[in-house]
Amino acid sequence: MAKTIRTKLSGFNLLNNPRLNKGTAFTEQERDIFSLHGLLPPHVGSLEDQMQRRKQVLDGLATNFEKYSYMRDLQDTNETLFYALLSRYIEELLPIVYTPTVGEGCQRFSEIWRKPRGLFLSYPNRHRIEQILSHPRYDCIRCIVVSDGERILGLGDQGAGGMGIPIGKMALYTALGGIHPEHCLPVLLDVGTDNEERLKNPIYIGWRHQRIRGQEYDDFVDAFVSVVQKRWPHILLQWEDFAGANAARLLARYRDQICTFNDDIQGTAAVAAATLLSAVNVTGVPLKDQRIVIFGFGTAGIGIATLLIAEMRQQGLSAEEALQHLYAIDRGGLLVEGGKDIRTEQLPFVRKREEVLGWRLSHASEIRLTDVIRNAKPTVLIGVSGQQGAFSEDAVRAMAKHAARPIIFPLSNPTSRSEATPQQLLEWTEGRAIVGTGSPFPPVEWNGRRIQIDQTNNSYIFPGLALGIIACGAQRVSDGMIMAASAALAGLSPTLQDKNGRLLPPLAESRRVSRVVAEAVGRQALAEGLAGVKDEAAFLTALEAEIWEPAYLPYEREV
């Protein structure tokens, strides 16, 4: 890291640059050099002083949305202070800057948008993409998170408000992964919205048009990717919150052309698999002997299923044997031959009709969750449906009858979309359930015990995954690299030492977790011949150089 920062900016221009602004922490000498006297109060403070002042204000705000808005303003005012505060209080502030509060932030994005952050590439400006991205201010960019705002968490189409997700993800690249903020670029592809509430809202900041679809949409995305490849040949591009119809399709199209991954598909799968492996430490039953139901079989569900099949194969099962351990449920119930609306990407997970002929069913038209639980007797239930309350009391109690320690992960977020609450799951299983959630929940009191609830949060994976990819100069993101990230996280589970321990490390250790994940990813890239560095020593040196710490440096005037 540089020992000093040299800049030509001064006065208001320096104070209005969020990357360079130090606020009251500018020294007397710097105030002389950069014409800051009078623009700042006379007190010369420190980063620690500023964090205490900002934290005091945060603690006085009434709602999480107010705190989210305050943190967004801070990020747009003083990035070093923002990241220092976020890193110091990560367990408290992660639910504010990320899930679940970022969901409301996206819904109300037009209310709080004040200063430019990231890029809005709108369909009417499709002929200007190259011109926009060519500006010298983007010369340092090494990673992009892009969304089109169509499937924001479990909240659906938020149009331009979806920009809150790339901004939030990139904030965690830095706060948890240590990637320098000047290397990060959030992007929103504004192709319109089908959300009538947004279109009718007079303060909506996005393009007021129904969503562009079909060939026009594909051409627009392709134009974006082509310009990105030309502008930054070694960029990391992360896809985020694209609708199911596009997410897997776009990943498949570009994954062999550019260094790219989709966090909803691969990040969710990696953290779910790691958490499940941690739960297996508690039950003592290997993954290859578990019977798994995945409720909600869109991109996230398919991603989880695919990675779990790969893990079972590593434990000695064939692909066909592994598939027998998995039951996929989507809108039309269990996926079986002849079922309605089965998509191409779901076909590998469809059950043969004869496999369910002897089942006792509650409905003739479809095989519902409770039917699957009563007949297949699963030991693991994972929800990625976005349907609040989808895990009914009847279904959970039926599962608890045949599973001594049922593993139940309601992973949908935000909190309002969770398939069940931890309190419900523990009550319905007499305290025996092993629970992981997609959104944060408070500890549950049960029979005199205080049970901590682990948030199965993608933030355990994607910052370290990105850090490892960037540091090793990966050409592509392979399935092996995703599996290496998952295995690295599983290897940090407290359950390896204590079966009564938490499934995942505390969020306060996120920087350490990201470092371990990054090292595993880089080593896997080297093993597969995908790294741009020559050996492990070079990778570790590059990794060390990539990690940025939020601290104020002395400034010098660049002439």
Protein backbone atom coordinates (compact mmCIF):
# COMPACT_ATOMS: atom_id res chain seq x y z
CA MET A 1 0.00 0.00 0.00
CA ALA A 2 1.20 3.53 -0.78
CA LYS A 3 2.67 5.43 2.17
CA THR A 4 1.27 8.76 0.98
CA ILE A 5 -1.42 9.96 -1.39
CA ARG A 6 -0.61 12.60 -4.00
CA THR A 7 -3.47 14.67 -5.45
CA LYS A 8 -4.06 17.87 -7.39
CA LEU A 9 -7.46 18.38 -5.77
CA SER A 10 -7.96 21.05 -3.11
CA GLY A 11 -10.68 22.86 -1.22
CA PHE A 12 -14.25 21.81 -1.95
CA ASN A 13 -13.14 19.47 -4.71
CA LEU A 14 -11.03 17.46 -2.28
CA LEU A 15 -13.70 17.39 0.43
CA ASN A 16 -16.35 16.33 -2.09
CA ASN A 17 -14.32 13.35 -3.29
CA PRO A 18 -15.51 10.42 -1.11
CA ARG A 19 -12.40 8.37 -1.84
CA LEU A 20 -10.03 11.12 -0.68
CA ASN A 21 -12.05 13.04 1.90
CA LYS A 22 -10.75 12.74 5.47
CA GLY A 23 -13.08 15.34 6.98
CA THR A 24 -11.84 16.65 10.32
CA ALA A 25 -8.87 14.26 10.17
CA PHE A 26 -6.97 16.50 7.75
CA THR A 27 -3.93 17.76 9.64
CA GLU A 28 -3.07 21.43 10.09
CA GLN A 29 -0.32 21.08 7.49
CA GLU A 30 -2.71 19.45 5.01
CA ARG A 31 -5.24 22.19 5.62
CA ASP A 32 -2.54 24.70 4.69
CA ILE A 33 -1.48 22.84 1.56
CA PHE A 34 -4.96 22.06 0.26
CA SER A 35 -6.76 25.33 1.15
CA LEU A 36 -9.04 23.67 3.69
CA HIS A 37 -8.97 26.28 6.48
CA GLY A 38 -12.43 27.67 7.02
CA LEU A 39 -14.06 24.80 5.14
CA LEU A 40 -13.55 22.53 8.15
CA PRO A 41 -14.20 23.18 11.83
CA PRO A 42 -10.98 23.87 13.79
CA HIS A 43 -10.95 20.51 15.59
CA VAL A 44 -8.38 18.09 14.15
CA GLY A 45 -9.65 14.61 14.81
CA SER A 46 -8.75 11.01 14.05
CA LEU A 47 -10.45 8.12 12.31
CA GLU A 48 -11.26 6.68 15.73
CA ASP A 49 -12.92 9.95 16.81
CA GLN A 50 -14.99 10.00 13.65
CA MET A 51 -16.12 6.39 14.07
CA GLN A 52 -17.31 7.09 17.61
CA ARG A 53 -19.22 10.17 16.45
CA ARG A 54 -20.88 8.34 13.54
CA LYS A 55 -21.69 5.30 15.65
CA GLN A 56 -23.39 7.50 18.22
CA VAL A 57 -25.59 8.99 15.51
CA LEU A 58 -26.38 5.54 14.07
CA ASP A 59 -27.43 4.25 17.48
CA GLY A 60 -29.91 7.11 17.78
CA LEU A 61 -31.73 6.36 14.54
CA ALA A 62 -35.12 4.68 14.93
CA THR A 63 -35.34 2.30 11.97
CA ASN A 64 -33.00 0.09 9.98
CA PHE A 65 -33.92 1.95 6.80
CA GLU A 66 -32.82 5.22 8.37
CA LYS A 67 -29.54 3.55 9.28
CA TYR A 68 -29.20 2.19 5.74
CA SER A 69 -29.75 5.66 4.30
CA TYR A 70 -27.26 7.15 6.76
CA MET A 71 -24.60 4.59 5.84
CA ARG A 72 -25.18 5.19 2.12
CA ASP A 73 -24.66 8.93 2.68
CA LEU A 74 -21.49 8.19 4.64
CA GLN A 75 -20.16 5.99 1.83
CA ASP A 76 -20.78 8.84 -0.63
CA THR A 77 -19.05 11.32 1.69
CA ASN A 78 -16.03 9.51 3.17
CA GLU A 79 -15.27 5.99 1.99
CA THR A 80 -12.43 5.34 4.42
CA LEU A 81 -14.62 6.18 7.39
CA PHE A 82 -17.50 4.13 5.95
CA TYR A 83 -15.35 1.01 5.58
CA ALA A 84 -13.63 1.47 8.92
CA LEU A 85 -17.01 1.70 10.66
CA LEU A 86 -18.47 -1.24 8.74
CA SER A 87 -15.43 -3.42 9.42
CA ARG A 88 -15.40 -2.55 13.13
CA TYR A 89 -19.11 -3.33 13.67
CA ILE A 90 -19.65 -5.94 10.97
CA GLU A 91 -22.12 -8.13 12.89
CA GLU A 92 -24.29 -5.13 13.67
CA LEU A 93 -24.01 -3.30 10.35
CA LEU A 94 -24.00 -6.15 7.83
CA PRO A 95 -27.82 -6.50 8.12
CA ILE A 96 -28.04 -2.75 7.50
CA VAL A 97 -25.87 -2.36 4.40
CA TYR A 98 -26.77 -5.83 3.04
CA THR A 99 -29.64 -8.24 3.64
CA PRO A 100 -32.27 -7.74 4.84
CA THR A 101 -32.35 -3.93 4.88
CA VAL A 102 -30.89 -3.54 1.39
CA GLY A 103 -34.20 -4.94 0.13
CA GLU A 104 -36.08 -1.92 1.44
CA GLY A 105 -33.19 0.21 0.21
CA CYS A 106 -33.86 -1.03 -3.32
CA GLN A 107 -37.61 -0.51 -3.01
CA ARG A 108 -37.04 3.07 -1.84
CA PHE A 109 -33.87 3.76 -3.82
CA SER A 110 -35.36 6.73 -5.66
CA GLU A 111 -36.09 8.44 -2.33
CA ILE A 112 -32.50 8.38 -1.14
CA TRP A 113 -30.45 8.68 -4.34
CA ARG A 114 -28.30 11.77 -4.00
CA LYS A 115 -24.83 11.30 -5.46
CA PRO A 116 -23.48 9.23 -8.34
CA ARG A 117 -22.12 5.82 -7.38
CA GLY A 118 -21.54 3.15 -9.99
CA LEU A 119 -22.99 3.30 -13.48
CA PHE A 120 -26.57 3.28 -14.77
CA LEU A 121 -26.39 1.93 -18.31
CA SER A 122 -29.88 2.45 -19.71
CA TYR A 123 -31.28 0.93 -22.88
CA PRO A 124 -31.77 4.34 -24.57
CA ASN A 125 -28.03 4.93 -24.05
CA ARG A 126 -27.00 1.57 -25.53
CA HIS A 127 -25.01 3.31 -28.26
CA ARG A 128 -23.03 5.19 -25.58
CA ILE A 129 -21.82 2.21 -23.51
CA GLU A 130 -18.28 2.31 -24.89
CA GLN A 131 -18.09 6.08 -24.50
CA ILE A 132 -19.31 5.92 -20.88
CA LEU A 133 -16.93 3.13 -19.85
CA SER A 134 -13.94 4.70 -21.61
CA HIS A 135 -13.58 7.56 -19.13
CA PRO A 136 -10.18 7.63 -17.39
CA ARG A 137 -11.88 7.57 -13.98
CA TYR A 138 -12.48 3.85 -14.57
CA ASP A 139 -8.89 2.94 -15.46
CA CYS A 140 -8.32 1.21 -12.10
CA ILE A 141 -11.43 -1.00 -12.21
CA ARG A 142 -10.73 -4.71 -11.70
CA CYS A 143 -14.14 -6.07 -10.72
CA ILE A 144 -17.77 -5.33 -11.59
CA VAL A 145 -21.04 -6.41 -9.99
CA VAL A 146 -23.90 -6.04 -12.47
CA SER A 147 -27.67 -6.43 -12.11
CA ASP A 148 -30.68 -5.64 -14.26
CA GLY A 149 -32.89 -5.26 -11.18
CA GLU A 150 -35.47 -7.84 -12.21
CA ARG A 151 -35.26 -10.27 -9.30
CA ILE A 152 -34.10 -8.33 -6.25
CA LEU A 153 -33.87 -10.80 -3.35
CA GLY A 154 -37.40 -12.19 -2.97
CA LEU A 155 -38.95 -8.81 -3.82
CA GLY A 156 -39.08 -9.09 -7.59
CA ASP A 157 -38.61 -6.35 -10.17
CA GLN A 158 -37.27 -3.11 -8.71
CA GLY A 159 -35.99 -1.58 -11.94
CA ALA A 160 -33.29 1.04 -11.40
CA GLY A 161 -33.69 0.59 -7.64
CA GLY A 162 -31.88 -2.69 -8.09
CA MET A 163 -28.65 -0.65 -8.09
CA GLY A 164 -28.74 -1.00 -4.29
CA ILE A 165 -27.63 -4.62 -4.72
CA PRO A 166 -24.42 -4.03 -6.76
CA ILE A 167 -23.54 -1.14 -4.44
CA GLY A 168 -24.07 -3.35 -1.38
CA LYS A 169 -22.16 -6.29 -2.85
CA MET A 170 -19.20 -4.12 -3.79
CA ALA A 171 -19.17 -2.61 -0.31
CA LEU A 172 -18.68 -6.13 1.05
CA TYR A 173 -15.95 -6.85 -1.52
CA THR A 174 -14.04 -4.15 0.33
CA ALA A 175 -15.23 -4.45 3.93
CA LEU A 176 -14.99 -8.24 4.09
CA GLY A 177 -12.57 -9.12 1.29
CA GLY A 178 -10.22 -6.16 1.54
CA ILE A 179 -10.46 -5.32 -2.18
CA HIS A 180 -9.59 -1.66 -2.73
CA PRO A 181 -12.73 0.42 -3.36
CA GLU A 182 -11.12 2.09 -6.38
CA HIS A 183 -11.06 -1.33 -8.08
CA CYS A 184 -14.84 -1.86 -7.70
CA LEU A 185 -17.60 -0.74 -10.08
CA PRO A 186 -21.33 -1.37 -9.44
CA VAL A 187 -23.39 -1.44 -12.65
CA LEU A 188 -27.16 -1.42 -13.25
CA LEU A 189 -28.39 -2.39 -16.71
CA ASP A 190 -31.61 -0.36 -16.88
CA VAL A 191 -33.77 -2.14 -19.44
CA GLY A 192 -37.01 -0.81 -17.96
CA THR A 193 -39.30 -2.38 -15.38
CA ASP A 194 -42.60 -4.23 -15.28
CA ASN A 195 -43.24 -2.96 -11.76
CA GLU A 196 -46.24 -0.67 -12.21
CA GLU A 197 -45.74 0.88 -8.79
CA ARG A 198 -42.30 2.08 -9.88
CA LEU A 199 -43.49 3.28 -13.29
CA LYS A 200 -46.29 5.32 -11.74
CA ASN A 201 -44.13 6.82 -9.01
CA PRO A 202 -43.30 10.44 -9.95
CA ILE A 203 -39.92 10.28 -8.18
CA TYR A 204 -38.77 7.03 -9.83
CA ILE A 205 -35.28 7.65 -11.22
CA GLY A 206 -35.14 4.82 -13.78
CA TRP A 207 -36.14 4.54 -17.43
CA ARG A 208 -39.96 4.64 -17.53
CA HIS A 209 -40.60 1.80 -19.90
CA GLN A 210 -41.75 -1.81 -19.80
CA ARG A 211 -38.85 -4.27 -19.67
CA ILE A 212 -37.04 -4.92 -22.91
CA ARG A 213 -36.96 -8.64 -23.57
CA GLY A 214 -35.99 -11.17 -26.24
CA GLN A 215 -33.35 -10.38 -28.85
CA GLU A 216 -33.22 -6.68 -27.93
CA TYR A 217 -32.36 -7.60 -24.35
CA ASP A 218 -29.74 -10.15 -25.41
CA ASP A 219 -28.13 -7.69 -27.80
CA PHE A 220 -27.95 -5.04 -25.06
CA VAL A 221 -26.32 -7.41 -22.57
CA ASP A 222 -23.94 -8.63 -25.25
CA ALA A 223 -22.96 -5.07 -26.12
CA PHE A 224 -22.19 -4.43 -22.45
CA VAL A 225 -20.09 -7.59 -22.07
CA SER A 226 -18.21 -6.90 -25.31
CA VAL A 227 -17.25 -3.40 -24.23
CA VAL A 228 -16.25 -4.63 -20.77
CA GLN A 229 -13.99 -7.30 -22.31
CA LYS A 230 -12.39 -4.73 -24.60
CA ARG A 231 -11.95 -2.12 -21.84
CA TRP A 232 -10.66 -4.52 -19.16
CA PRO A 233 -9.44 -7.85 -20.64
CA HIS A 234 -8.80 -9.29 -17.16
CA ILE A 235 -11.93 -8.03 -15.35
CA LEU A 236 -13.98 -10.10 -12.90
CA LEU A 237 -17.69 -9.77 -13.72
CA GLN A 238 -20.25 -10.90 -11.13
CA TRP A 239 -23.90 -11.29 -12.19
CA GLU A 240 -26.41 -10.46 -9.48
CA ASP A 241 -30.20 -10.74 -9.09
CA PHE A 242 -31.12 -11.49 -12.68
CA ALA A 243 -34.43 -13.31 -13.10
CA GLY A 244 -34.30 -17.09 -13.33
CA ALA A 245 -35.02 -17.09 -17.06
CA ASN A 246 -31.86 -15.07 -17.68
CA ALA A 247 -29.47 -15.84 -14.82
CA ALA A 248 -28.38 -19.37 -15.77
CA ARG A 249 -28.60 -18.60 -19.48
CA LEU A 250 -26.27 -15.60 -19.27
CA LEU A 251 -23.81 -17.43 -17.04
CA ALA A 252 -23.69 -20.34 -19.48
CA ARG A 253 -23.19 -17.98 -22.41
CA TYR A 254 -20.31 -15.98 -20.97
CA ARG A 255 -18.52 -18.18 -18.45
CA ASP A 256 -16.07 -19.48 -21.07
CA GLN A 257 -15.55 -16.03 -22.60
CA ILE A 258 -14.80 -13.91 -19.55
CA CYS A 259 -13.84 -14.34 -15.89
CA THR A 260 -17.34 -14.39 -14.41
CA PHE A 261 -19.68 -15.96 -11.86
CA ASN A 262 -23.25 -15.61 -10.67
CA ASP A 263 -23.53 -15.24 -6.91
CA ASP A 264 -27.22 -16.24 -6.80
CA ILE A 265 -26.34 -19.55 -8.44
CA GLN A 266 -22.77 -20.34 -7.39
CA GLY A 267 -22.31 -18.26 -4.24
CA THR A 268 -25.59 -19.43 -2.75
CA ALA A 269 -24.69 -23.02 -3.62
CA ALA A 270 -21.24 -22.73 -2.07
CA VAL A 271 -22.42 -21.31 1.25
CA ALA A 272 -25.40 -23.68 1.46
CA ALA A 273 -23.16 -26.70 0.81
CA ALA A 274 -20.59 -25.50 3.35
CA THR A 275 -23.27 -24.98 5.99
CA LEU A 276 -24.79 -28.39 5.25
CA LEU A 277 -21.38 -30.03 5.64
CA SER A 278 -21.08 -28.25 8.98
CA ALA A 279 -24.49 -29.56 10.05
CA VAL A 280 -23.39 -33.07 9.02
CA ASN A 281 -20.62 -32.76 11.62
CA VAL A 282 -23.37 -32.49 14.23
CA THR A 283 -25.55 -35.36 13.02
CA GLY A 284 -22.68 -37.72 12.25
CA VAL A 285 -24.46 -38.84 9.06
CA PRO A 286 -22.29 -38.25 5.93
CA LEU A 287 -23.66 -36.08 3.15
CA LYS A 288 -23.85 -39.08 0.83
CA ASP A 289 -26.33 -40.70 3.23
CA GLN A 290 -28.59 -37.67 3.63
CA ARG A 291 -31.96 -37.35 1.86
CA ILE A 292 -32.37 -33.78 0.69
CA VAL A 293 -35.43 -31.77 -0.35
CA ILE A 294 -34.87 -28.46 -2.11
CA PHE A 295 -38.02 -26.32 -2.09
CA GLY A 296 -37.91 -23.69 -4.82
CA PHE A 297 -36.04 -24.91 -7.87
CA GLY A 298 -35.02 -21.81 -9.76
CA THR A 299 -31.46 -20.71 -10.31
CA ALA A 300 -30.49 -20.85 -6.63
CA GLY A 301 -32.08 -24.25 -6.08
CA ILE A 302 -30.46 -25.72 -9.18
CA GLY A 303 -27.10 -24.27 -8.17
CA ILE A 304 -27.35 -25.82 -4.70
CA ALA A 305 -28.44 -29.18 -6.12
CA THR A 306 -25.62 -29.23 -8.66
CA LEU A 307 -22.96 -28.52 -6.06
CA LEU A 308 -24.37 -31.06 -3.59
CA ILE A 309 -24.34 -33.73 -6.32
CA ALA A 310 -20.69 -32.90 -6.98
CA GLU A 311 -19.91 -33.16 -3.24
CA MET A 312 -21.63 -36.56 -3.02
CA ARG A 313 -19.65 -37.79 -6.00
CA GLN A 314 -16.47 -36.80 -4.20
CA GLN A 315 -17.67 -39.00 -1.34
CA GLY A 316 -17.89 -41.99 -3.68
CA LEU A 317 -21.36 -41.96 -5.21
CA SER A 318 -22.02 -42.04 -8.93
CA ALA A 319 -24.01 -39.20 -10.45
CA GLU A 320 -27.06 -41.46 -10.71
CA GLU A 321 -26.74 -42.57 -7.08
CA ALA A 322 -26.33 -39.00 -5.87
CA LEU A 323 -29.45 -37.88 -7.73
CA GLN A 324 -31.48 -40.49 -5.84
CA HIS A 325 -30.76 -38.56 -2.63
CA LEU A 326 -32.30 -35.34 -3.91
CA TYR A 327 -35.94 -34.24 -4.31
CA ALA A 328 -36.63 -31.02 -6.21
CA ILE A 329 -39.87 -29.10 -5.65
CA ASP A 330 -40.93 -26.11 -7.71
CA ARG A 331 -44.22 -24.28 -8.36
CA GLY A 332 -45.95 -27.40 -9.66
CA GLY A 333 -44.77 -29.61 -6.81
CA LEU A 334 -42.18 -32.38 -7.00
CA LEU A 335 -40.45 -32.51 -10.37
CA VAL A 336 -41.60 -35.79 -11.97
CA GLU A 337 -41.84 -36.99 -15.54
CA GLY A 338 -44.86 -35.51 -17.28
CA GLY A 339 -45.13 -32.63 -14.81
CA LYS A 340 -46.16 -29.14 -15.89
CA ASP A 341 -43.80 -26.28 -16.76
CA ILE A 342 -40.56 -28.22 -16.26
CA ARG A 343 -37.70 -26.16 -17.71
CA THR A 344 -34.74 -27.52 -19.61
CA GLU A 345 -32.26 -26.78 -16.84
CA GLN A 346 -34.44 -28.72 -14.36
CA LEU A 347 -34.55 -31.93 -16.42
CA PRO A 348 -31.53 -33.66 -14.80
CA PHE A 349 -33.36 -33.56 -11.45
CA VAL A 350 -36.74 -34.88 -12.59
CA ARG A 351 -37.91 -38.09 -10.88
CA LYS A 352 -39.22 -41.01 -12.91
CA ARG A 353 -42.97 -41.49 -12.58
CA GLU A 354 -42.59 -45.07 -11.33
CA GLU A 355 -40.53 -43.86 -8.38
CA VAL A 356 -43.60 -42.21 -6.84
CA LEU A 357 -46.31 -44.67 -7.89
CA GLY A 358 -46.65 -46.15 -4.41
CA TRP A 359 -46.74 -42.82 -2.60
CA ARG A 360 -49.79 -41.75 -0.61
CA LEU A 361 -50.70 -38.27 -1.79
CA SER A 362 -52.93 -35.52 -0.43
CA HIS A 363 -53.62 -34.04 -3.90
CA ALA A 364 -54.14 -35.82 -7.19
CA SER A 365 -52.80 -33.01 -9.36
CA GLU A 366 -49.35 -32.46 -7.78
CA ILE A 367 -46.97 -33.85 -5.17
CA ARG A 368 -46.61 -31.19 -2.50
CA LEU A 369 -43.97 -30.61 0.15
CA THR A 370 -45.79 -32.50 2.89
CA ASP A 371 -46.33 -35.44 0.53
CA VAL A 372 -42.61 -35.59 -0.25
CA ILE A 373 -41.68 -35.43 3.42
CA ARG A 374 -44.10 -38.19 4.44
CA ASN A 375 -43.04 -40.53 1.63
CA ALA A 376 -39.34 -39.77 1.07
CA LYS A 377 -38.53 -39.14 4.75
CA PRO A 378 -35.86 -36.48 4.12
CA THR A 379 -33.20 -35.51 6.64
CA VAL A 380 -32.47 -32.12 5.02
CA LEU A 381 -34.91 -29.40 3.90
CA ILE A 382 -33.61 -26.34 2.05
CA GLY A 383 -35.86 -23.45 1.04
CA VAL A 384 -35.03 -20.97 -1.72
CA SER A 385 -38.60 -20.26 -2.83
CA GLY A 386 -39.15 -16.68 -1.66
CA GLN A 387 -42.47 -17.87 -0.17
CA GLN A 388 -43.08 -16.72 3.37
CA GLY A 389 -44.28 -19.52 5.63
CA ALA A 390 -43.87 -22.25 2.99
CA PHE A 391 -42.50 -24.65 5.61
CA SER A 392 -45.78 -25.45 7.37
CA GLU A 393 -46.08 -26.89 10.84
CA ASP A 394 -47.49 -30.14 9.41
CA ALA A 395 -44.53 -30.53 7.05
CA VAL A 396 -41.91 -29.81 9.69
CA ARG A 397 -43.51 -32.06 12.30
CA ALA A 398 -43.72 -34.85 9.71
CA MET A 399 -40.01 -34.43 9.04
CA ALA A 400 -39.19 -34.48 12.75
CA LYS A 401 -40.93 -37.87 13.14
CA HIS A 402 -38.24 -39.72 11.20
CA ALA A 403 -35.18 -37.43 11.51
CA ALA A 404 -33.46 -37.33 14.89
CA ARG A 405 -31.77 -34.00 14.03
CA PRO A 406 -33.60 -32.53 11.02
CA ILE A 407 -31.47 -30.04 9.11
CA ILE A 408 -33.69 -27.17 7.95
CA PHE A 409 -32.42 -24.13 6.05
CA PRO A 410 -35.05 -21.48 5.13
CA LEU A 411 -32.69 -19.43 2.97
CA SER A 412 -35.04 -16.97 1.25
CA ASN A 413 -34.50 -13.31 2.02
CA PRO A 414 -35.27 -10.67 3.06
CA THR A 415 -36.68 -11.77 6.41
CA SER A 416 -40.25 -11.23 5.24
CA ARG A 417 -39.78 -14.00 2.65
CA SER A 418 -38.32 -16.66 4.93
CA GLU A 419 -40.01 -20.08 4.61
CA ALA A 420 -40.23 -20.31 8.42
CA THR A 421 -38.73 -18.62 11.45
CA PRO A 422 -36.13 -20.37 13.63
CA GLN A 423 -38.50 -20.06 16.59
CA GLN A 424 -41.16 -22.02 14.71
CA LEU A 425 -38.74 -24.68 13.50
CA LEU A 426 -37.39 -25.33 16.97
CA GLU A 427 -40.85 -25.42 18.51
CA TRP A 428 -42.17 -27.85 15.88
CA THR A 429 -39.17 -30.18 16.29
CA GLU A 430 -38.94 -30.02 20.11
CA GLY A 431 -35.64 -28.17 19.81
CA ARG A 432 -33.98 -30.83 17.63
CA ALA A 433 -33.75 -28.94 14.33
CA ILE A 434 -30.39 -27.69 13.07
CA VAL A 435 -31.30 -24.34 11.56
CA GLY A 436 -29.56 -22.02 9.11
CA THR A 437 -31.30 -18.97 7.65
CA GLY A 438 -30.79 -16.66 4.69
CA SER A 439 -31.56 -13.53 6.71
CA PRO A 440 -30.41 -12.66 10.24
CA PHE A 441 -32.59 -13.83 13.14
CA PRO A 442 -32.07 -13.31 16.87
CA PRO A 443 -31.13 -16.24 19.14
CA VAL A 444 -33.98 -18.54 20.19
CA GLU A 445 -34.64 -19.42 23.81
CA TRP A 446 -35.53 -23.11 24.14
CA ASN A 447 -35.87 -25.07 27.39
CA GLY A 448 -33.40 -22.85 29.19
CA ARG A 449 -30.96 -22.87 26.27
CA ARG A 450 -30.05 -19.89 24.14
CA ILE A 451 -29.64 -21.17 20.58
CA GLN A 452 -27.70 -18.98 18.16
CA ILE A 453 -29.05 -18.94 14.61
CA ASP A 454 -26.46 -19.04 11.84
CA GLN A 455 -27.12 -16.82 8.85
CA THR A 456 -26.22 -18.83 5.76
CA ASN A 457 -25.07 -15.65 4.09
CA ASN A 458 -23.36 -15.43 0.71
CA SER A 459 -21.03 -12.86 2.25
CA TYR A 460 -19.09 -15.82 3.67
CA ILE A 461 -18.18 -16.74 0.08
CA PHE A 462 -18.25 -14.04 -2.57
CA PRO A 463 -15.77 -11.49 -1.08
CA GLY A 464 -13.11 -14.17 -0.61
CA LEU A 465 -13.93 -15.76 -3.95
CA ALA A 466 -13.47 -12.40 -5.68
CA LEU A 467 -10.27 -11.65 -3.75
CA GLY A 468 -8.76 -14.99 -4.73
CA ILE A 469 -9.77 -14.60 -8.38
CA ILE A 470 -8.28 -11.11 -8.63
CA ALA A 471 -5.08 -11.93 -6.75
CA CYS A 472 -4.28 -15.02 -8.83
CA GLY A 473 -5.27 -13.34 -12.10
CA ALA A 474 -7.73 -16.10 -12.95
CA GLN A 475 -8.74 -16.37 -16.59
CA ARG A 476 -12.04 -18.10 -15.79
CA VAL A 477 -14.10 -19.15 -12.75
CA SER A 478 -14.38 -22.95 -12.70
CA ASP A 479 -16.71 -25.26 -10.80
CA GLY A 480 -13.61 -26.50 -9.00
CA MET A 481 -12.89 -23.00 -7.71
CA ILE A 482 -16.45 -22.69 -6.39
CA MET A 483 -16.13 -26.07 -4.66
CA ALA A 484 -12.77 -25.03 -3.20
CA ALA A 485 -14.41 -21.91 -1.71
CA SER A 486 -17.18 -24.03 -0.19
CA ALA A 487 -14.75 -26.58 1.25
CA ALA A 488 -12.60 -23.81 2.73
CA LEU A 489 -15.61 -22.33 4.54
CA ALA A 490 -16.70 -25.77 5.77
CA GLY A 491 -13.18 -26.28 7.10
CA LEU A 492 -13.65 -23.26 9.39
CA SER A 493 -16.86 -24.55 11.00
CA PRO A 494 -16.79 -24.52 14.81
CA THR A 495 -18.66 -27.87 14.71
CA LEU A 496 -15.37 -29.55 13.76
CA GLN A 497 -14.24 -28.99 17.34
CA ASP A 498 -17.57 -28.85 19.15
CA LYS A 499 -20.75 -30.59 17.95
CA ASN A 500 -22.74 -28.05 19.93
CA GLY A 501 -20.91 -25.17 18.27
CA ARG A 502 -22.23 -22.82 15.63
CA LEU A 503 -22.35 -24.00 12.04
CA LEU A 504 -20.35 -21.08 10.69
CA PRO A 505 -17.66 -18.76 12.07
CA PRO A 506 -18.88 -15.49 13.61
CA LEU A 507 -19.44 -12.72 11.08
CA ALA A 508 -16.93 -10.68 13.08
CA GLU A 509 -14.27 -13.00 11.64
CA SER A 510 -15.31 -12.29 8.05
CA ARG A 511 -11.94 -10.84 7.04
CA ARG A 512 -10.17 -14.00 8.21
CA VAL A 513 -12.76 -16.17 6.48
CA SER A 514 -12.37 -14.27 3.21
CA ARG A 515 -8.60 -14.67 3.37
CA VAL A 516 -8.89 -18.46 3.82
CA VAL A 517 -11.44 -18.71 1.00
CA ALA A 518 -9.26 -16.57 -1.28
CA GLU A 519 -6.23 -18.77 -0.68
CA ALA A 520 -8.23 -21.92 -1.49
CA VAL A 521 -9.62 -20.37 -4.68
CA GLY A 522 -6.21 -19.21 -5.87
CA ARG A 523 -4.60 -22.59 -5.23
CA GLN A 524 -7.39 -24.32 -7.14
CA ALA A 525 -6.96 -21.93 -10.07
CA LEU A 526 -3.24 -22.75 -10.09
CA ALA A 527 -3.99 -26.48 -9.99
CA GLU A 528 -6.34 -26.16 -12.98
CA GLY A 529 -3.97 -23.98 -14.99
CA LEU A 530 -6.36 -21.03 -14.86
CA ALA A 531 -4.19 -18.61 -12.87
CA GLY A 532 -2.23 -15.73 -14.30
CA VAL A 533 0.52 -16.03 -11.67
CA LYS A 534 3.27 -18.61 -12.07
CA ASP A 535 3.18 -20.35 -8.69
CA GLU A 536 1.79 -20.31 -5.16
CA ALA A 537 4.47 -18.00 -3.82
CA ALA A 538 3.67 -15.40 -6.46
CA PHE A 539 -0.04 -15.79 -5.71
CA LEU A 540 0.40 -15.27 -1.97
CA THR A 541 2.55 -12.19 -2.59
CA ALA A 542 -0.12 -10.79 -4.93
CA LEU A 543 -2.84 -11.65 -2.41
CA GLU A 544 -1.07 -9.73 0.34
CA ALA A 545 -0.68 -6.73 -1.96
CA GLU A 546 -4.38 -6.73 -2.85
CA ILE A 547 -5.70 -6.36 0.69
CA TRP A 548 -6.64 -2.79 1.54
CA GLU A 549 -7.17 -1.53 5.08
CA PRO A 550 -9.33 1.53 5.78
CA ALA A 551 -6.84 3.98 7.27
CA TYR A 552 -5.96 7.63 6.67
CA LEU A 553 -2.65 8.28 4.92
CA PRO A 554 -0.73 11.56 4.74
CA TYR A 555 -1.40 13.69 1.64
CA GLU A 556 1.01 15.56 -0.61
CA ARG A 557 0.20 18.15 -3.25
CA GLU A 558 0.74 16.91 -6.80
CA VAL A 559 1.97 19.75 -8.95
